[in-house]
């Protein structure tokens, strides 16, 4: 049980012994710089039901696990687990195995949930089997006023199917059971593959409009490039998995448009242009690199 509550007696223990309705899974690997911020945001949540937090330390070499344990006096239904197999999917699968809630919400260590997040996610999960929170990129990245996810619909990824980023995802435990485990052979874009599998199974999906997730982008241009490069490589992996199921090849015109915009930002030297250009170039580099390695054309 957590420290804040929407109603109940003054000792904050109104849900002691009650059945857990919602499980929050937080995988972390060397998340020390930001983890405490996410945990404080969870402590501040108001709620009308019992919930638990499961932090899964995925082989951290910093004090992430100790930081999480330091919140046990404020988050009484807190479990800190260890998953030594590297990879976010391993951590998520371990968290799911330990979760007891009817609903499951995934969060990342370097983001922060907004007020009322868990209530809004639970309300949306009353209607849909899988939901997406609303993404805010401006709180931690004030320079980022450009592309983001739509707030009125799920994004269609790579011109194929809708998907929900793992950092924004809520799902019924019964739906997770139908979908199966997160894929452990993908180090990036495991959330795309998993939600595409859910879509093909007919899992109902929707938005949780009252749940706002404050997302933290990589802070340096080089980090942005490296992350985008890994996503570009993952685009090719996804194409190899789903082309026989109808995923289309990328249109050259789309890539040319990306390059045109990157060149324009470079020429204009807009505020923090380095970050945006690095992201676009990283995607191109990753797709070209993996296309050559995999012997499939998906630029």
Protein backbone atom coordinates (compact mmCIF):
# COMPACT_ATOMS: atom_id res chain seq x y z
CA UNK A 1 0.00 0.00 0.00
CA UNK A 2 1.19 3.51 -0.72
CA UNK A 3 1.44 6.60 1.40
CA UNK A 4 -1.10 8.83 -0.34
CA UNK A 5 -4.74 7.98 -0.70
CA UNK A 6 -7.90 9.47 -2.12
CA UNK A 7 -10.02 8.57 0.89
CA UNK A 8 -9.92 6.39 3.98
CA UNK A 9 -8.64 6.86 7.52
CA UNK A 10 -5.88 9.22 8.54
CA UNK A 11 -3.14 6.65 8.99
CA UNK A 12 -2.90 6.04 5.23
CA UNK A 13 -3.57 2.33 5.77
CA UNK A 14 -7.09 2.06 4.42
CA UNK A 15 -6.14 -0.66 1.92
CA UNK A 16 -3.96 -2.84 4.14
CA UNK A 17 -4.57 -6.46 3.30
CA UNK A 18 -6.79 -5.65 0.33
CA UNK A 19 -6.43 -7.42 -2.99
CA UNK A 20 -4.06 -5.59 -5.34
CA UNK A 21 -5.96 -4.12 -8.27
CA UNK A 22 -3.06 -2.59 -10.22
CA UNK A 23 0.62 -3.51 -10.51
CA UNK A 24 3.22 -1.01 -11.67
CA UNK A 25 6.35 -2.57 -13.20
CA UNK A 26 9.47 -0.40 -13.32
CA UNK A 27 12.53 -1.99 -14.98
CA UNK A 28 15.82 -0.21 -14.28
CA UNK A 29 19.42 -0.61 -15.37
CA UNK A 30 21.83 2.00 -14.03
CA UNK A 31 19.00 4.47 -13.58
CA UNK A 32 20.42 6.23 -10.54
CA UNK A 33 20.42 9.79 -11.99
CA UNK A 34 16.62 9.89 -12.42
CA UNK A 35 15.07 6.92 -10.61
CA UNK A 36 14.30 8.81 -7.39
CA UNK A 37 12.31 11.37 -9.37
CA UNK A 38 10.05 8.68 -10.80
CA UNK A 39 9.63 7.06 -7.40
CA UNK A 40 8.69 10.40 -5.81
CA UNK A 41 6.11 10.92 -8.56
CA UNK A 42 4.61 7.52 -7.73
CA UNK A 43 4.58 8.31 -4.01
CA UNK A 44 2.50 11.43 -4.76
CA UNK A 45 -0.19 9.49 -6.60
CA UNK A 46 -3.70 9.61 -5.16
CA UNK A 47 -5.70 6.46 -5.57
CA UNK A 48 -8.94 4.71 -4.66
CA UNK A 49 -7.68 1.12 -4.87
CA UNK A 50 -4.77 -1.01 -3.62
CA UNK A 51 -1.75 -1.11 -5.93
CA UNK A 52 1.82 -2.33 -5.87
CA UNK A 53 5.12 -1.27 -7.36
CA UNK A 54 7.58 -3.85 -8.67
CA UNK A 55 11.05 -2.49 -9.41
CA UNK A 56 13.17 -4.93 -11.43
CA UNK A 57 16.89 -4.22 -11.27
CA UNK A 58 18.32 -5.46 -14.56
CA UNK A 59 22.00 -5.88 -13.68
CA UNK A 60 22.70 -2.32 -12.51
CA UNK A 61 26.23 -1.47 -11.42
CA UNK A 62 25.09 1.70 -9.64
CA UNK A 63 22.88 2.16 -6.57
CA UNK A 64 19.55 1.79 -8.38
CA UNK A 65 18.34 -1.13 -6.26
CA UNK A 66 19.32 0.60 -3.00
CA UNK A 67 17.57 3.77 -4.14
CA UNK A 68 14.39 1.80 -4.76
CA UNK A 69 14.58 0.07 -1.37
CA UNK A 70 14.93 3.47 0.24
CA UNK A 71 11.30 4.16 -0.69
CA UNK A 72 9.85 1.14 1.13
CA UNK A 73 8.66 3.28 4.04
CA UNK A 74 6.65 5.40 1.58
CA UNK A 75 5.58 2.60 -0.77
CA UNK A 76 4.60 -0.30 1.44
CA UNK A 77 3.55 -2.54 -1.45
CA UNK A 78 7.00 -2.24 -3.01
CA UNK A 79 8.96 -5.22 -4.29
CA UNK A 80 12.55 -4.88 -5.51
CA UNK A 81 13.57 -7.81 -7.70
CA UNK A 82 16.79 -8.71 -9.50
CA UNK A 83 16.95 -10.00 -13.08
CA UNK A 84 20.54 -10.65 -14.12
CA UNK A 85 19.80 -11.46 -17.77
CA UNK A 86 20.46 -8.23 -19.66
CA UNK A 87 17.60 -6.80 -21.67
CA UNK A 88 14.46 -4.88 -20.85
CA UNK A 89 12.24 -7.75 -21.99
CA UNK A 90 13.75 -10.07 -19.38
CA UNK A 91 13.08 -7.47 -16.71
CA UNK A 92 9.48 -6.93 -17.83
CA UNK A 93 8.78 -10.66 -17.95
CA UNK A 94 10.22 -11.06 -14.44
CA UNK A 95 8.05 -8.20 -13.21
CA UNK A 96 4.97 -9.72 -14.79
CA UNK A 97 5.66 -13.05 -13.09
CA UNK A 98 5.69 -11.27 -9.71
CA UNK A 99 2.67 -9.04 -10.37
CA UNK A 100 -0.66 -9.80 -8.73
CA UNK A 101 -2.80 -6.96 -10.08
CA UNK A 102 -5.75 -7.24 -12.44
CA UNK A 103 -4.22 -4.31 -14.32
CA UNK A 104 -0.54 -3.73 -15.13
CA UNK A 105 1.12 -0.38 -15.86
CA UNK A 106 4.67 -0.08 -17.18
CA UNK A 107 6.88 2.91 -16.41
CA UNK A 108 10.53 3.75 -17.04
CA UNK A 109 13.11 4.92 -14.52
CA UNK A 110 14.05 8.15 -16.30
CA UNK A 111 10.52 9.49 -16.85
CA UNK A 112 7.92 10.76 -14.38
CA UNK A 113 4.19 10.08 -14.18
CA UNK A 114 1.90 13.07 -13.81
CA UNK A 115 -0.73 13.58 -11.08
CA UNK A 116 -3.64 11.16 -11.26
CA UNK A 117 -1.73 8.83 -13.57
CA UNK A 118 -2.68 5.51 -11.99
CA UNK A 119 -6.34 6.44 -11.53
CA UNK A 120 -6.59 7.50 -15.17
CA UNK A 121 -4.87 4.35 -16.43
CA UNK A 122 -7.15 2.13 -14.33
CA UNK A 123 -10.25 3.95 -15.59
CA UNK A 124 -9.14 3.47 -19.20
CA UNK A 125 -8.39 -0.21 -18.56
CA UNK A 126 -11.98 -0.61 -17.39
CA UNK A 127 -12.89 0.05 -21.04
CA UNK A 128 -9.97 -1.34 -23.04
CA UNK A 129 -7.65 -4.32 -22.68
CA UNK A 130 -4.59 -2.19 -23.47
CA UNK A 131 -4.15 1.56 -23.21
CA UNK A 132 -1.65 4.30 -23.87
CA UNK A 133 -0.97 7.29 -21.67
CA UNK A 134 -0.45 10.74 -23.17
CA UNK A 135 3.15 11.68 -23.89
CA UNK A 136 4.59 15.02 -22.77
CA UNK A 137 8.13 15.78 -23.94
CA UNK A 138 8.34 19.45 -22.97
CA UNK A 139 8.80 19.30 -19.17
CA UNK A 140 12.25 17.69 -19.29
CA UNK A 141 13.10 18.73 -22.85
CA UNK A 142 11.94 22.37 -23.21
CA UNK A 143 13.64 22.58 -26.60
CA UNK A 144 11.52 19.72 -27.91
CA UNK A 145 8.50 21.42 -29.45
CA UNK A 146 8.47 19.34 -32.60
CA UNK A 147 7.29 15.85 -33.43
CA UNK A 148 5.52 13.86 -30.75
CA UNK A 149 2.77 11.29 -30.47
CA UNK A 150 -0.84 12.27 -31.24
CA UNK A 151 -3.11 12.87 -28.25
CA UNK A 152 -6.35 11.81 -29.95
CA UNK A 153 -5.42 8.43 -31.37
CA UNK A 154 -2.81 5.67 -31.27
CA UNK A 155 0.13 6.17 -33.57
CA UNK A 156 0.46 3.88 -36.60
CA UNK A 157 4.08 2.81 -36.66
CA UNK A 158 6.08 2.27 -39.86
CA UNK A 159 2.87 2.56 -41.92
CA UNK A 160 1.72 -0.81 -40.61
CA UNK A 161 -0.13 -1.16 -37.28
CA UNK A 162 -0.85 0.94 -34.19
CA UNK A 163 1.53 0.53 -31.30
CA UNK A 164 1.90 1.73 -27.73
CA UNK A 165 5.37 2.65 -26.42
CA UNK A 166 6.32 0.57 -23.39
CA UNK A 167 6.84 3.69 -21.26
CA UNK A 168 3.16 4.61 -21.76
CA UNK A 169 1.53 1.21 -21.59
CA UNK A 170 -1.22 -0.19 -19.42
CA UNK A 171 -2.64 -3.67 -19.97
CA UNK A 172 -5.02 -6.09 -18.35
CA UNK A 173 -3.25 -9.10 -16.88
CA UNK A 174 -5.63 -11.36 -18.81
CA UNK A 175 -4.55 -9.72 -22.09
CA UNK A 176 -0.86 -10.14 -21.24
CA UNK A 177 -1.58 -13.82 -20.67
CA UNK A 178 -3.01 -14.08 -24.20
CA UNK A 179 -0.17 -12.15 -25.84
CA UNK A 180 2.64 -14.00 -24.08
CA UNK A 181 6.03 -12.78 -22.91
CA UNK A 182 7.94 -9.81 -24.24
CA UNK A 183 10.38 -10.91 -26.98
CA UNK A 184 13.84 -11.49 -25.55
CA UNK A 185 15.59 -11.61 -28.93
CA UNK A 186 15.02 -7.88 -29.50
CA UNK A 187 17.08 -5.39 -27.51
CA UNK A 188 15.15 -2.44 -28.97
CA UNK A 189 11.56 -2.06 -30.23
CA UNK A 190 10.37 -5.00 -28.13
CA UNK A 191 7.32 -2.88 -27.29
CA UNK A 192 6.49 -2.47 -30.99
CA UNK A 193 6.62 -6.22 -31.61
CA UNK A 194 4.59 -6.95 -28.46
CA UNK A 195 1.79 -4.49 -29.19
CA UNK A 196 1.67 -5.54 -32.83
CA UNK A 197 1.16 -9.10 -31.64
CA UNK A 198 -1.62 -7.82 -29.37
CA UNK A 199 -3.27 -6.00 -32.26
CA UNK A 200 -3.21 -9.11 -34.43
CA UNK A 201 -4.88 -11.04 -31.59
CA UNK A 202 -7.73 -8.53 -31.51
CA UNK A 203 -6.78 -7.01 -28.14
CA UNK A 204 -8.83 -3.83 -27.74
CA UNK A 205 -6.72 -0.67 -27.49
CA UNK A 206 -7.41 2.91 -26.51
CA UNK A 207 -6.11 6.07 -24.88
CA UNK A 208 -6.05 7.10 -21.22
CA UNK A 209 -6.52 10.85 -21.73
CA UNK A 210 -6.08 11.80 -18.06
CA UNK A 211 -2.74 9.99 -17.73
CA UNK A 212 0.21 12.20 -18.69
CA UNK A 213 3.73 10.77 -18.80
CA UNK A 214 6.63 13.24 -18.73
CA UNK A 215 9.21 11.69 -21.03
CA UNK A 216 12.93 12.40 -20.88
CA UNK A 217 14.83 12.32 -24.14
CA UNK A 218 18.60 11.71 -24.36
CA UNK A 219 20.24 14.96 -23.32
CA UNK A 220 23.22 14.98 -25.69
CA UNK A 221 23.36 14.96 -29.48
CA UNK A 222 25.63 11.88 -29.52
CA UNK A 223 23.29 9.99 -27.18
CA UNK A 224 20.39 10.97 -29.41
CA UNK A 225 22.26 9.67 -32.46
CA UNK A 226 23.09 6.35 -30.79
CA UNK A 227 19.52 5.79 -29.62
CA UNK A 228 18.10 6.66 -33.03
CA UNK A 229 20.63 4.36 -34.70
CA UNK A 230 19.45 1.46 -32.55
CA UNK A 231 15.84 2.22 -33.49
CA UNK A 232 16.77 2.39 -37.15
CA UNK A 233 18.31 -1.07 -36.92
CA UNK A 234 15.19 -2.31 -35.14
CA UNK A 235 13.02 -1.04 -38.01
CA UNK A 236 14.76 -3.55 -40.27
CA UNK A 237 14.32 -6.36 -37.74
CA UNK A 238 10.61 -5.62 -37.53
CA UNK A 239 10.31 -5.61 -41.32
CA UNK A 240 11.94 -9.04 -41.49
CA UNK A 241 9.40 -10.32 -38.95
CA UNK A 242 6.28 -8.76 -40.40
CA UNK A 243 6.75 -8.31 -44.13
CA UNK A 244 5.07 -11.66 -44.80
CA UNK A 245 2.13 -10.40 -42.72
CA UNK A 246 1.75 -7.23 -44.73
CA UNK A 247 4.20 -4.67 -43.36
CA UNK A 248 5.13 -2.44 -46.32
CA UNK A 249 8.61 -1.45 -47.35
CA UNK A 250 9.56 2.13 -46.49
CA UNK A 251 8.85 4.70 -49.16
CA UNK A 252 11.94 6.48 -50.46
CA UNK A 253 10.00 9.75 -50.48
CA UNK A 254 9.59 9.51 -46.71
CA UNK A 255 13.33 9.15 -46.19
CA UNK A 256 14.07 12.03 -48.54
CA UNK A 257 11.66 14.20 -46.58
CA UNK A 258 13.45 13.34 -43.33
CA UNK A 259 16.77 14.29 -44.86
CA UNK A 260 15.33 17.52 -46.27
CA UNK A 261 14.09 18.53 -42.82
CA UNK A 262 17.40 17.63 -41.18
CA UNK A 263 19.27 19.74 -43.74
CA UNK A 264 16.87 22.64 -43.17
CA UNK A 265 17.38 22.53 -39.40
CA UNK A 266 21.14 22.45 -39.89
CA UNK A 267 21.11 25.44 -42.27
CA UNK A 268 18.82 27.49 -40.03
CA UNK A 269 20.69 26.49 -36.86
CA UNK A 270 17.42 26.40 -34.92
CA UNK A 271 17.61 26.06 -31.13
CA UNK A 272 19.08 22.67 -30.25
CA UNK A 273 19.19 21.72 -33.92
CA UNK A 274 22.03 19.30 -33.13
CA UNK A 275 19.71 17.01 -31.16
CA UNK A 276 17.08 16.80 -33.90
CA UNK A 277 19.57 16.39 -36.73
CA UNK A 278 21.41 13.71 -34.75
CA UNK A 279 18.13 11.80 -34.32
CA UNK A 280 17.28 11.89 -38.02
CA UNK A 281 20.78 10.91 -39.09
CA UNK A 282 20.88 8.11 -36.53
CA UNK A 283 17.70 6.57 -37.91
CA UNK A 284 19.08 6.67 -41.47
CA UNK A 285 22.43 5.22 -40.39
CA UNK A 286 20.77 2.40 -38.45
CA UNK A 287 18.42 1.39 -41.25
CA UNK A 288 21.14 1.44 -43.90
CA UNK A 289 23.56 -0.46 -41.69
CA UNK A 290 21.08 -3.19 -40.82
CA UNK A 291 19.73 -3.38 -44.38
CA UNK A 292 23.24 -4.23 -45.57
CA UNK A 293 23.82 -6.68 -42.73
CA UNK A 294 20.46 -8.44 -43.23
CA UNK A 295 20.56 -8.25 -47.03
CA UNK A 296 17.15 -6.67 -47.24
CA UNK A 297 16.39 -3.18 -48.57
CA UNK A 298 14.62 -1.18 -45.89
CA UNK A 299 16.19 2.30 -45.89
